[in-house]
Amino acid sequence: MKVLVLNGINLNMFGKRDPAHYGTATLEQIDTSIQNLAKELGVEVECFQSNFEGEMVERIHKAHAQSVDSVLINAGAWTHYSYGIRDALAILKCPIIEVHMSNIHAREEFRHHSVLAEIVLGQICGFGTESYLLALRAAVAAVKKA
C-alpha cells in the first residue's frame, strides 16, 4: 500500500511559524513520525511539500498516474480557496484525508470553510502532529475496507 502525504503552502515553516497554533515540531520531524508509523503499519509513504500551487497540482496528477492507494493532504491556506487543487484531487480514485494541525473551526472565520471538504473522505484537525498519524491510520483502514 502506498500513501502520499501532501503539505502545502508555508508548511515548510512548521516549528518557526505561530507555535501557539502549530507547535514547535518541524515538517522534517513530522515526516519522520509519519515514516515511523508507516513502518509499523507496513505501508509505504512518500511525503511532498510545495509552496507552488502548480507544482502541487502536478504532484497530484502524478499520484493519479501512479495509482497511489491514499492521499493525506494538509493544503495550508490553499484549503480555503484553491479550486485548482480541489479539482486535481477530484481526479483521484483513492481515499483522500484532509489534515490540519490546528482546529480550523476554532480559528479565524475564513479558515472555517474548506473547498476540499466535499471531495475528501474525512477531515482530521486540532490534534497537532498527531493529526497526521490519525490520518494515516484512517487512510490505511479506508484502503483495507475498500
N, C-alpha and C. Protein backbone atom coordinates (compact mmCIF):
# COMPACT_ATOMS: atom_id res chain seq x y z
N MET A 1 0.85 -1.18 0.00
CA MET A 1 0.00 0.00 0.00
C MET A 1 0.89 1.24 0.00
N LYS A 2 0.57 2.18 -0.89
CA LYS A 2 1.34 3.41 -0.98
C LYS A 2 0.45 4.61 -0.65
N VAL A 3 0.93 5.42 0.30
CA VAL A 3 0.21 6.61 0.73
C VAL A 3 1.08 7.83 0.43
N LEU A 4 0.46 8.83 -0.15
CA LEU A 4 1.13 10.09 -0.45
C LEU A 4 0.68 11.14 0.55
N VAL A 5 1.63 11.79 1.19
CA VAL A 5 1.34 12.87 2.13
C VAL A 5 1.74 14.18 1.48
N LEU A 6 0.76 15.06 1.28
CA LEU A 6 0.99 16.35 0.64
C LEU A 6 0.89 17.47 1.65
N ASN A 7 1.88 18.34 1.66
CA ASN A 7 1.89 19.51 2.52
C ASN A 7 2.01 20.75 1.66
N GLY A 8 1.11 21.69 1.88
CA GLY A 8 1.04 22.86 1.03
C GLY A 8 1.81 24.06 1.53
N ILE A 9 1.33 25.18 1.09
CA ILE A 9 1.98 26.47 1.23
C ILE A 9 2.28 26.83 2.69
N ASN A 10 3.50 27.26 2.92
CA ASN A 10 4.03 27.71 4.22
C ASN A 10 4.25 26.61 5.24
N LEU A 11 3.91 25.38 4.92
CA LEU A 11 4.03 24.33 5.93
C LEU A 11 5.47 23.88 6.13
N ASN A 12 6.34 24.26 5.24
CA ASN A 12 7.77 24.05 5.46
C ASN A 12 8.27 24.91 6.63
N MET A 13 7.46 25.83 7.08
CA MET A 13 7.83 26.73 8.19
C MET A 13 7.32 26.22 9.55
N PHE A 14 6.76 25.01 9.59
CA PHE A 14 6.39 24.44 10.88
C PHE A 14 7.62 24.48 11.79
N GLY A 15 7.41 24.75 13.04
CA GLY A 15 8.50 24.87 14.00
C GLY A 15 8.94 26.30 14.18
N LYS A 16 8.67 27.14 13.20
CA LYS A 16 9.02 28.55 13.25
C LYS A 16 7.78 29.43 13.21
N ARG A 17 6.73 28.94 12.63
CA ARG A 17 5.51 29.73 12.38
C ARG A 17 4.47 29.49 13.47
N ASP A 18 4.06 30.53 14.13
CA ASP A 18 2.93 30.51 15.06
C ASP A 18 2.87 29.25 15.93
N PRO A 19 3.84 29.09 16.84
CA PRO A 19 3.85 27.87 17.66
C PRO A 19 2.61 27.69 18.54
N ALA A 20 1.88 28.77 18.83
CA ALA A 20 0.65 28.63 19.61
C ALA A 20 -0.38 27.77 18.88
N HIS A 21 -0.40 27.84 17.56
CA HIS A 21 -1.33 27.03 16.78
C HIS A 21 -0.71 25.75 16.24
N TYR A 22 0.58 25.81 15.92
CA TYR A 22 1.19 24.69 15.20
C TYR A 22 2.24 23.93 16.00
N GLY A 23 2.56 24.38 17.20
CA GLY A 23 3.58 23.71 17.98
C GLY A 23 4.98 24.03 17.48
N THR A 24 5.94 23.27 17.96
CA THR A 24 7.34 23.54 17.63
C THR A 24 7.98 22.47 16.75
N ALA A 25 7.22 21.44 16.42
CA ALA A 25 7.77 20.38 15.56
C ALA A 25 7.98 20.92 14.15
N THR A 26 9.08 20.53 13.55
CA THR A 26 9.36 20.91 12.17
C THR A 26 8.69 19.92 11.22
N LEU A 27 8.56 20.31 9.96
CA LEU A 27 7.99 19.41 8.97
C LEU A 27 8.84 18.15 8.84
N GLU A 28 10.14 18.29 8.95
CA GLU A 28 11.03 17.12 8.90
C GLU A 28 10.72 16.16 10.04
N GLN A 29 10.49 16.68 11.23
CA GLN A 29 10.14 15.83 12.37
C GLN A 29 8.79 15.16 12.18
N ILE A 30 7.85 15.90 11.62
CA ILE A 30 6.53 15.33 11.34
C ILE A 30 6.65 14.20 10.32
N ASP A 31 7.42 14.45 9.26
CA ASP A 31 7.62 13.42 8.23
C ASP A 31 8.26 12.17 8.84
N THR A 32 9.21 12.35 9.75
CA THR A 32 9.86 11.21 10.42
C THR A 32 8.84 10.42 11.23
N SER A 33 7.97 11.11 11.95
CA SER A 33 6.93 10.43 12.73
C SER A 33 6.00 9.64 11.82
N ILE A 34 5.65 10.24 10.69
CA ILE A 34 4.79 9.55 9.73
C ILE A 34 5.48 8.31 9.20
N GLN A 35 6.75 8.43 8.85
CA GLN A 35 7.51 7.29 8.32
C GLN A 35 7.61 6.17 9.36
N ASN A 36 7.82 6.55 10.62
CA ASN A 36 7.92 5.54 11.69
C ASN A 36 6.61 4.78 11.84
N LEU A 37 5.48 5.49 11.82
CA LEU A 37 4.19 4.82 11.91
C LEU A 37 3.94 3.97 10.66
N ALA A 38 4.33 4.48 9.51
CA ALA A 38 4.15 3.72 8.27
C ALA A 38 4.86 2.37 8.35
N LYS A 39 6.06 2.35 8.90
CA LYS A 39 6.79 1.08 9.07
C LYS A 39 6.00 0.13 9.95
N GLU A 40 5.47 0.65 11.06
CA GLU A 40 4.65 -0.17 11.97
C GLU A 40 3.45 -0.76 11.25
N LEU A 41 2.83 0.05 10.40
CA LEU A 41 1.62 -0.37 9.70
C LEU A 41 1.91 -1.16 8.43
N GLY A 42 3.17 -1.22 8.03
CA GLY A 42 3.55 -1.97 6.84
C GLY A 42 3.14 -1.30 5.54
N VAL A 43 3.17 0.04 5.53
CA VAL A 43 2.82 0.77 4.31
C VAL A 43 3.98 1.66 3.88
N GLU A 44 3.98 1.99 2.60
CA GLU A 44 4.99 2.89 2.04
C GLU A 44 4.39 4.29 2.00
N VAL A 45 5.16 5.27 2.48
CA VAL A 45 4.69 6.65 2.49
C VAL A 45 5.71 7.53 1.80
N GLU A 46 5.21 8.41 0.95
CA GLU A 46 6.03 9.46 0.36
C GLU A 46 5.48 10.79 0.85
N CYS A 47 6.38 11.66 1.33
CA CYS A 47 5.99 12.98 1.78
C CYS A 47 6.47 14.03 0.78
N PHE A 48 5.60 14.99 0.48
CA PHE A 48 5.90 16.03 -0.51
C PHE A 48 5.38 17.36 0.01
N GLN A 49 6.18 18.41 -0.14
CA GLN A 49 5.75 19.76 0.24
C GLN A 49 6.11 20.72 -0.86
N SER A 50 5.21 21.67 -1.11
CA SER A 50 5.48 22.72 -2.08
C SER A 50 4.77 24.00 -1.69
N ASN A 51 5.40 25.12 -2.02
CA ASN A 51 4.80 26.44 -1.86
C ASN A 51 4.26 26.95 -3.19
N PHE A 52 4.27 26.10 -4.21
CA PHE A 52 3.85 26.49 -5.55
C PHE A 52 2.62 25.67 -5.95
N GLU A 53 1.51 26.34 -6.14
CA GLU A 53 0.24 25.66 -6.40
C GLU A 53 0.32 24.76 -7.63
N GLY A 54 0.92 25.24 -8.71
CA GLY A 54 1.04 24.43 -9.92
C GLY A 54 1.86 23.17 -9.68
N GLU A 55 2.91 23.29 -8.89
CA GLU A 55 3.73 22.12 -8.57
C GLU A 55 2.93 21.10 -7.76
N MET A 56 2.08 21.59 -6.84
CA MET A 56 1.23 20.69 -6.07
C MET A 56 0.24 19.97 -6.99
N VAL A 57 -0.36 20.71 -7.91
CA VAL A 57 -1.29 20.10 -8.86
C VAL A 57 -0.57 19.03 -9.69
N GLU A 58 0.63 19.34 -10.15
CA GLU A 58 1.41 18.36 -10.93
C GLU A 58 1.69 17.10 -10.11
N ARG A 59 1.99 17.26 -8.82
CA ARG A 59 2.26 16.08 -7.97
C ARG A 59 0.99 15.25 -7.79
N ILE A 60 -0.15 15.92 -7.70
CA ILE A 60 -1.42 15.19 -7.59
C ILE A 60 -1.69 14.43 -8.89
N HIS A 61 -1.42 15.05 -10.03
CA HIS A 61 -1.58 14.36 -11.32
C HIS A 61 -0.68 13.13 -11.37
N LYS A 62 0.53 13.27 -10.90
CA LYS A 62 1.48 12.14 -10.88
C LYS A 62 0.94 11.03 -9.98
N ALA A 63 0.32 11.41 -8.85
CA ALA A 63 -0.27 10.41 -7.95
C ALA A 63 -1.34 9.60 -8.67
N HIS A 64 -2.11 10.27 -9.51
CA HIS A 64 -3.13 9.57 -10.30
C HIS A 64 -2.46 8.56 -11.23
N ALA A 65 -1.43 8.98 -11.91
CA ALA A 65 -0.72 8.10 -12.84
C ALA A 65 -0.08 6.92 -12.11
N GLN A 66 0.35 7.15 -10.87
CA GLN A 66 1.00 6.10 -10.07
C GLN A 66 -0.01 5.21 -9.36
N SER A 67 -1.28 5.55 -9.43
CA SER A 67 -2.33 4.80 -8.73
C SER A 67 -2.03 4.63 -7.25
N VAL A 68 -1.70 5.74 -6.57
CA VAL A 68 -1.47 5.65 -5.13
C VAL A 68 -2.74 5.16 -4.46
N ASP A 69 -2.58 4.54 -3.31
CA ASP A 69 -3.72 3.95 -2.61
C ASP A 69 -4.50 4.95 -1.77
N SER A 70 -3.82 5.99 -1.30
CA SER A 70 -4.48 7.02 -0.50
C SER A 70 -3.62 8.27 -0.47
N VAL A 71 -4.28 9.40 -0.21
CA VAL A 71 -3.59 10.69 -0.11
C VAL A 71 -4.02 11.37 1.18
N LEU A 72 -3.04 11.86 1.92
CA LEU A 72 -3.27 12.75 3.05
C LEU A 72 -2.85 14.13 2.59
N ILE A 73 -3.67 15.14 2.82
CA ILE A 73 -3.29 16.49 2.39
C ILE A 73 -3.57 17.51 3.47
N ASN A 74 -2.53 18.26 3.78
CA ASN A 74 -2.64 19.49 4.55
C ASN A 74 -2.29 20.58 3.55
N ALA A 75 -3.29 21.18 2.97
CA ALA A 75 -3.07 22.16 1.91
C ALA A 75 -2.75 23.55 2.46
N GLY A 76 -2.73 23.70 3.79
CA GLY A 76 -2.49 25.02 4.36
C GLY A 76 -3.57 25.98 3.90
N ALA A 77 -3.19 27.20 3.61
CA ALA A 77 -4.16 28.23 3.20
C ALA A 77 -4.90 27.86 1.92
N TRP A 78 -4.30 27.02 1.07
CA TRP A 78 -4.99 26.59 -0.16
C TRP A 78 -6.29 25.88 0.15
N THR A 79 -6.39 25.31 1.34
CA THR A 79 -7.61 24.62 1.77
C THR A 79 -8.84 25.49 1.55
N HIS A 80 -8.68 26.79 1.74
CA HIS A 80 -9.81 27.69 1.81
C HIS A 80 -10.16 28.35 0.47
N TYR A 81 -9.31 28.17 -0.54
CA TYR A 81 -9.61 28.87 -1.79
C TYR A 81 -9.10 28.21 -3.07
N SER A 82 -8.32 27.15 -3.01
CA SER A 82 -7.73 26.62 -4.23
C SER A 82 -8.62 25.59 -4.91
N TYR A 83 -9.40 26.09 -5.87
CA TYR A 83 -10.23 25.18 -6.66
C TYR A 83 -9.37 24.36 -7.61
N GLY A 84 -8.18 24.87 -7.94
CA GLY A 84 -7.26 24.11 -8.79
C GLY A 84 -6.80 22.84 -8.09
N ILE A 85 -6.42 22.94 -6.83
CA ILE A 85 -6.01 21.76 -6.07
C ILE A 85 -7.21 20.85 -5.83
N ARG A 86 -8.35 21.44 -5.52
CA ARG A 86 -9.57 20.66 -5.32
C ARG A 86 -9.89 19.83 -6.56
N ASP A 87 -9.85 20.47 -7.74
CA ASP A 87 -10.18 19.77 -8.97
C ASP A 87 -9.17 18.69 -9.29
N ALA A 88 -7.89 18.94 -9.00
CA ALA A 88 -6.87 17.90 -9.21
C ALA A 88 -7.12 16.71 -8.30
N LEU A 89 -7.42 16.98 -7.03
CA LEU A 89 -7.71 15.88 -6.09
C LEU A 89 -8.94 15.09 -6.52
N ALA A 90 -9.92 15.75 -7.10
CA ALA A 90 -11.15 15.08 -7.52
C ALA A 90 -10.90 14.04 -8.61
N ILE A 91 -9.78 14.14 -9.29
CA ILE A 91 -9.42 13.17 -10.33
C ILE A 91 -9.05 11.82 -9.71
N LEU A 92 -8.52 11.86 -8.49
CA LEU A 92 -8.04 10.64 -7.84
C LEU A 92 -9.18 9.69 -7.53
N LYS A 93 -8.89 8.41 -7.56
CA LYS A 93 -9.87 7.37 -7.29
C LYS A 93 -9.60 6.68 -5.96
N CYS A 94 -8.89 7.33 -5.08
CA CYS A 94 -8.50 6.73 -3.80
C CYS A 94 -9.00 7.59 -2.65
N PRO A 95 -9.01 7.04 -1.43
CA PRO A 95 -9.41 7.84 -0.26
C PRO A 95 -8.44 9.00 -0.04
N ILE A 96 -9.02 10.18 0.21
CA ILE A 96 -8.25 11.39 0.50
C ILE A 96 -8.66 11.86 1.89
N ILE A 97 -7.68 12.10 2.73
CA ILE A 97 -7.94 12.58 4.08
C ILE A 97 -7.35 13.99 4.20
N GLU A 98 -8.17 14.94 4.62
CA GLU A 98 -7.72 16.32 4.85
C GLU A 98 -7.19 16.43 6.27
N VAL A 99 -6.02 17.05 6.41
CA VAL A 99 -5.33 17.11 7.70
C VAL A 99 -5.01 18.56 8.04
N HIS A 100 -5.20 18.90 9.31
CA HIS A 100 -4.77 20.21 9.83
C HIS A 100 -4.25 20.03 11.24
N MET A 101 -3.16 20.68 11.55
CA MET A 101 -2.61 20.60 12.91
C MET A 101 -3.49 21.35 13.90
N SER A 102 -3.98 22.52 13.51
CA SER A 102 -4.84 23.30 14.40
C SER A 102 -6.30 22.99 14.10
N ASN A 103 -7.16 23.38 15.02
CA ASN A 103 -8.59 23.21 14.80
C ASN A 103 -9.06 24.40 13.97
N ILE A 104 -9.20 24.21 12.67
CA ILE A 104 -9.54 25.31 11.77
C ILE A 104 -10.92 25.89 12.07
N HIS A 105 -11.76 25.13 12.75
CA HIS A 105 -13.11 25.60 13.06
C HIS A 105 -13.15 26.49 14.30
N ALA A 106 -12.04 26.55 15.02
CA ALA A 106 -11.96 27.39 16.21
C ALA A 106 -11.05 28.60 15.97
N ARG A 107 -10.77 28.86 14.71
CA ARG A 107 -9.87 29.96 14.36
C ARG A 107 -10.62 31.03 13.58
N GLU A 108 -9.89 31.83 12.82
CA GLU A 108 -10.50 32.92 12.06
C GLU A 108 -11.59 32.36 11.14
N GLU A 109 -12.60 33.18 10.91
CA GLU A 109 -13.76 32.77 10.12
C GLU A 109 -13.38 32.21 8.75
N PHE A 110 -12.41 32.83 8.08
CA PHE A 110 -12.07 32.36 6.73
C PHE A 110 -11.52 30.95 6.73
N ARG A 111 -11.00 30.49 7.86
CA ARG A 111 -10.45 29.13 7.94
C ARG A 111 -11.53 28.08 8.16
N HIS A 112 -12.75 28.47 8.44
CA HIS A 112 -13.82 27.52 8.73
C HIS A 112 -14.29 26.78 7.48
N HIS A 113 -14.07 27.36 6.31
CA HIS A 113 -14.53 26.75 5.07
C HIS A 113 -13.38 26.05 4.34
N SER A 114 -13.63 24.82 3.94
CA SER A 114 -12.67 24.06 3.14
C SER A 114 -13.28 23.75 1.79
N VAL A 115 -12.60 24.18 0.73
CA VAL A 115 -13.09 23.84 -0.62
C VAL A 115 -12.81 22.36 -0.94
N LEU A 116 -12.01 21.72 -0.10
CA LEU A 116 -11.70 20.30 -0.30
C LEU A 116 -12.73 19.38 0.35
N ALA A 117 -13.47 19.90 1.32
CA ALA A 117 -14.32 19.06 2.17
C ALA A 117 -15.29 18.17 1.39
N GLU A 118 -15.82 18.66 0.30
CA GLU A 118 -16.81 17.88 -0.45
C GLU A 118 -16.23 16.67 -1.17
N ILE A 119 -14.92 16.64 -1.35
CA ILE A 119 -14.33 15.53 -2.12
C ILE A 119 -13.45 14.62 -1.28
N VAL A 120 -13.20 14.96 -0.02
CA VAL A 120 -12.36 14.12 0.82
C VAL A 120 -13.21 13.13 1.60
N LEU A 121 -12.60 12.03 2.01
CA LEU A 121 -13.28 11.04 2.83
C LEU A 121 -13.59 11.62 4.21
N GLY A 122 -12.63 12.37 4.74
CA GLY A 122 -12.81 12.96 6.06
C GLY A 122 -11.76 14.00 6.34
N GLN A 123 -11.94 14.66 7.47
CA GLN A 123 -11.06 15.75 7.87
C GLN A 123 -10.63 15.50 9.32
N ILE A 124 -9.33 15.60 9.57
CA ILE A 124 -8.81 15.47 10.92
C ILE A 124 -8.08 16.76 11.25
N CYS A 125 -8.49 17.43 12.32
CA CYS A 125 -7.87 18.70 12.67
C CYS A 125 -7.84 18.89 14.18
N GLY A 126 -6.87 19.68 14.62
CA GLY A 126 -6.84 20.10 16.00
C GLY A 126 -5.98 19.27 16.93
N PHE A 127 -5.30 18.26 16.43
CA PHE A 127 -4.52 17.39 17.29
C PHE A 127 -3.01 17.56 17.12
N GLY A 128 -2.60 18.69 16.56
CA GLY A 128 -1.17 18.92 16.37
C GLY A 128 -0.58 17.89 15.43
N THR A 129 0.63 17.47 15.73
CA THR A 129 1.29 16.49 14.86
C THR A 129 0.54 15.16 14.84
N GLU A 130 -0.19 14.88 15.90
CA GLU A 130 -0.97 13.64 15.97
C GLU A 130 -2.03 13.59 14.87
N SER A 131 -2.47 14.75 14.37
CA SER A 131 -3.44 14.77 13.27
C SER A 131 -2.95 13.95 12.09
N TYR A 132 -1.65 14.06 11.78
CA TYR A 132 -1.09 13.31 10.65
C TYR A 132 -1.13 11.81 10.91
N LEU A 133 -0.82 11.42 12.14
CA LEU A 133 -0.78 10.00 12.47
C LEU A 133 -2.19 9.41 12.49
N LEU A 134 -3.13 10.16 13.02
CA LEU A 134 -4.53 9.72 12.97
C LEU A 134 -5.00 9.58 11.53
N ALA A 135 -4.60 10.53 10.69
CA ALA A 135 -4.98 10.49 9.27
C ALA A 135 -4.37 9.28 8.56
N LEU A 136 -3.13 8.96 8.88
CA LEU A 136 -2.50 7.79 8.26
C LEU A 136 -3.23 6.52 8.67
N ARG A 137 -3.57 6.42 9.94
CA ARG A 137 -4.33 5.24 10.39
C ARG A 137 -5.69 5.16 9.69
N ALA A 138 -6.36 6.31 9.55
CA ALA A 138 -7.66 6.35 8.86
C ALA A 138 -7.51 5.96 7.40
N ALA A 139 -6.46 6.42 6.75
CA ALA A 139 -6.24 6.09 5.34
C ALA A 139 -6.01 4.60 5.16
N VAL A 140 -5.18 4.02 6.00
CA VAL A 140 -4.91 2.59 5.90
C VAL A 140 -6.19 1.78 6.12
N ALA A 141 -6.96 2.17 7.11
CA ALA A 141 -8.23 1.48 7.39
C ALA A 141 -9.19 1.61 6.20
N ALA A 142 -9.25 2.78 5.59
CA ALA A 142 -10.15 3.00 4.45
C ALA A 142 -9.75 2.15 3.25
N VAL A 143 -8.45 2.05 3.01
CA VAL A 143 -7.99 1.25 1.87
C VAL A 143 -8.28 -0.23 2.12
N LYS A 144 -8.04 -0.68 3.34
CA LYS A 144 -8.29 -2.09 3.66
C LYS A 144 -9.78 -2.42 3.59
N LYS A 145 -10.61 -1.46 3.92
CA LYS A 145 -12.07 -1.67 3.91
C LYS A 145 -12.62 -1.73 2.49
N ALA A 146 -11.97 -1.01 1.58
CA ALA A 146 -12.47 -0.92 0.19
C ALA A 146 -12.33 -2.23 -0.57
